[in-house]
Amino acid sequence: MIKDNKRRQCVKNHFEERIRHLAVKKATVLPPELQAVAAKEVEEKFPRDASYIRVVNRCSVTSRPRGTVERYRLSRIVWRHLADYNKLSSVQKAIW
């Protein structure tokens, strides 16, 4: 969980500036020299973890990377366990 929190914080800190640099890098209207400078700055100035793609949705209890319920940030196993004992608000068990 510590690594996940660090990545989320890194993305939060660098997101806006990194998006601006990427927009300059991808703009075909601008001269190629300016695009090259922007591309170089993206690689050198920002850490790799500043990309929002590298953030993985993990369970906040078990840190399990797969099968997470995004609304609650819990794995399906923990979510089901908590839902069975009425520990989650707005969750009702289906009755046929």
Protein backbone atom coordinates (compact mmCIF):
# COMPACT_ATOMS: atom_id res chain seq x y z
CA MET A 1 0.00 0.00 0.00
CA ILE A 2 2.87 2.40 0.64
CA LYS A 3 4.06 2.15 -2.95
CA ASP A 4 0.53 2.70 -4.24
CA ASN A 5 0.09 5.79 -2.06
CA LYS A 6 3.44 7.18 -3.21
CA ARG A 7 2.46 6.71 -6.86
CA ARG A 8 -0.91 8.40 -6.34
CA GLN A 9 0.77 11.33 -4.59
CA CYS A 10 3.36 11.63 -7.38
CA VAL A 11 0.63 11.72 -10.02
CA LYS A 12 -1.27 14.31 -8.00
CA ASN A 13 1.79 16.56 -7.72
CA HIS A 14 2.90 16.43 -11.36
CA PHE A 15 -0.32 15.82 -13.29
CA GLU A 16 -1.13 19.30 -14.64
CA GLU A 17 2.38 20.26 -15.68
CA ARG A 18 3.03 16.85 -17.25
CA ILE A 19 -0.19 17.05 -19.29
CA ARG A 20 0.84 20.48 -20.60
CA HIS A 21 4.23 19.16 -21.71
CA LEU A 22 2.61 16.15 -23.39
CA ALA A 23 0.18 18.43 -25.24
CA VAL A 24 3.09 20.43 -26.64
CA LYS A 25 4.90 17.22 -27.53
CA LYS A 26 1.91 15.85 -29.48
CA ALA A 27 0.86 19.10 -31.20
CA THR A 28 1.65 18.71 -34.90
CA VAL A 29 1.07 22.44 -35.55
CA LEU A 30 4.16 23.41 -33.55
CA PRO A 31 7.69 23.19 -34.98
CA PRO A 32 9.52 19.86 -34.51
CA GLU A 33 12.29 21.52 -32.48
CA LEU A 34 9.78 22.65 -29.85
CA GLN A 35 8.19 19.19 -29.79
CA ALA A 36 11.62 17.63 -29.26
CA VAL A 37 12.35 19.98 -26.35
CA ALA A 38 8.98 19.13 -24.74
CA ALA A 39 9.60 15.39 -25.22
CA LYS A 40 13.03 15.69 -23.62
CA GLU A 41 11.59 17.61 -20.65
CA VAL A 42 8.87 14.99 -20.12
CA GLU A 43 11.51 12.26 -19.93
CA GLU A 44 14.00 14.15 -17.75
CA LYS A 45 11.91 16.46 -15.57
CA PHE A 46 9.16 14.13 -14.41
CA PRO A 47 9.54 10.76 -12.66
CA ARG A 48 8.11 7.71 -14.40
CA ASP A 49 5.54 7.29 -11.65
CA ALA A 50 4.04 10.70 -12.57
CA SER A 51 2.05 9.01 -15.33
CA TYR A 52 -1.54 8.26 -14.34
CA ILE A 53 -1.33 4.98 -16.29
CA ARG A 54 1.01 3.55 -13.66
CA VAL A 55 -1.55 3.89 -10.86
CA VAL A 56 -3.08 0.48 -10.21
CA ASN A 57 -6.43 0.16 -8.45
CA ARG A 58 -5.62 -1.85 -5.33
CA CYS A 59 -7.62 -2.94 -2.34
CA SER A 60 -7.08 -0.53 0.53
CA VAL A 61 -7.20 -3.36 3.09
CA THR A 62 -5.25 -6.22 1.51
CA SER A 63 -3.46 -4.37 -1.32
CA ARG A 64 -4.75 -6.96 -3.79
CA PRO A 65 -4.40 -5.66 -7.39
CA ARG A 66 -7.11 -7.73 -9.06
CA GLY A 67 -10.85 -7.91 -8.62
CA THR A 68 -11.36 -4.54 -6.98
CA VAL A 69 -14.68 -2.77 -6.59
CA GLU A 70 -13.66 0.74 -7.66
CA ARG A 71 -16.39 2.60 -5.78
CA TYR A 72 -15.18 1.26 -2.43
CA ARG A 73 -11.49 0.57 -3.31
CA LEU A 74 -11.86 -2.93 -1.86
CA SER A 75 -11.16 -6.33 -3.36
CA ARG A 76 -14.20 -8.44 -4.15
CA ILE A 77 -13.32 -10.79 -1.28
CA VAL A 78 -13.13 -8.07 1.37
CA TRP A 79 -16.16 -6.29 -0.12
CA ARG A 80 -18.26 -9.45 0.10
CA HIS A 81 -17.11 -10.16 3.65
CA LEU A 82 -18.02 -6.65 4.80
CA ALA A 83 -21.32 -6.68 2.90
CA ASP A 84 -22.34 -9.97 4.53
CA TYR A 85 -22.04 -8.41 7.98
CA ASN A 86 -23.71 -5.08 7.05
CA LYS A 87 -20.50 -3.09 7.41
CA LEU A 88 -20.95 -1.24 4.10
CA SER A 89 -23.52 1.49 3.67
CA SER A 90 -25.90 1.40 0.70
CA VAL A 91 -25.36 -2.33 0.07
CA GLN A 92 -28.26 -4.75 0.33
CA LYS A 93 -28.20 -8.50 -0.11
CA ALA A 94 -30.26 -9.71 -3.03
CA ILE A 95 -33.34 -11.67 -1.99
CA TRP A 96 -35.15 -13.68 -4.66
